[in-house]
């Protein structure tokens, strides 16, 4: 049943296709920092990106492990071997151990960050790690509750930039959570699109995600509303700060990905469209995030 673990299996478990979800908030943190300081500590920037990539890889590994152990992922409902590595032959304990290995590797740059910047980034990281661990392994995991979107948005869209700006400015400024409303919404919408496609798989496994509670039709309606709010949120946040140059830059640059928003708005959430939905959502996370970052720097 189980086969020897290959390098490709390790990469599939780490799921590089999801890494933009971590890197984009980190880039936004750097853009906010550069707007304030007009300079960046490149070594700290590199540490931030490496840490979030390894943490994301660990989360992906633990999530796959938990889904397999709880019976959510099976051969019948997981046609993609890259998205269900354990189902297709990796030993569950190998996946679990690789998750811990990713975490241990993240501790190397994290230790340097704590030595240089003090305990604040460690506390922020610990809060995020605790939430993400609860997401996969809690007695009642967050992934089984209608809280996943909120937690994902807060941790990835909010805490990553909060820590990233602190690494650059040495200032703990909670106003960052207002400036990072776009990535918070982006991470939440991204997860909601995933859960909206997995209703048929999640309900038999006992999951009660927001999408499961709303049902397919109402999930589709709410998804489209949130999609439009998210796409408009960078301009709203910049306008609230009277940064009109940034508003202009974002609106002008957003014309380049407007067709992606329209396509995502029209697509139907569901298992048959899952790949297209998730590819589109991930692409939009990157496009909106990088465009917002550019507007932050220039505005």
Foldseek 3Di string as FASTA:
>chain_A
DADDDDPLLLCLLLPPLCLCLQVLLLLLLVLLLCLVVVDFDVLLSVLLSLLSSLLSSLLSLLQLLLCVVLVLDEVVQDVDCSNNVVNVHHPSVVSNVSSVVSNVVNVVSVVVLCVVLNCPLVVLVVVLSVLSCQCRDNPCHCQQEQCVLQSQLCNRQPSSSQSSNCSTPVDRDNCVNLLSPLSSLLRSLLVLLLCLACLVSSVVSNGDYVNVVLDQPVSLVVSLVSLVCSLCSLLVSCVVVVLVQLNVQLVVQCVVCVVLSVVLNPDGHYNVCNVVNNSSSSVVSNSSSVSSSVSSNVD
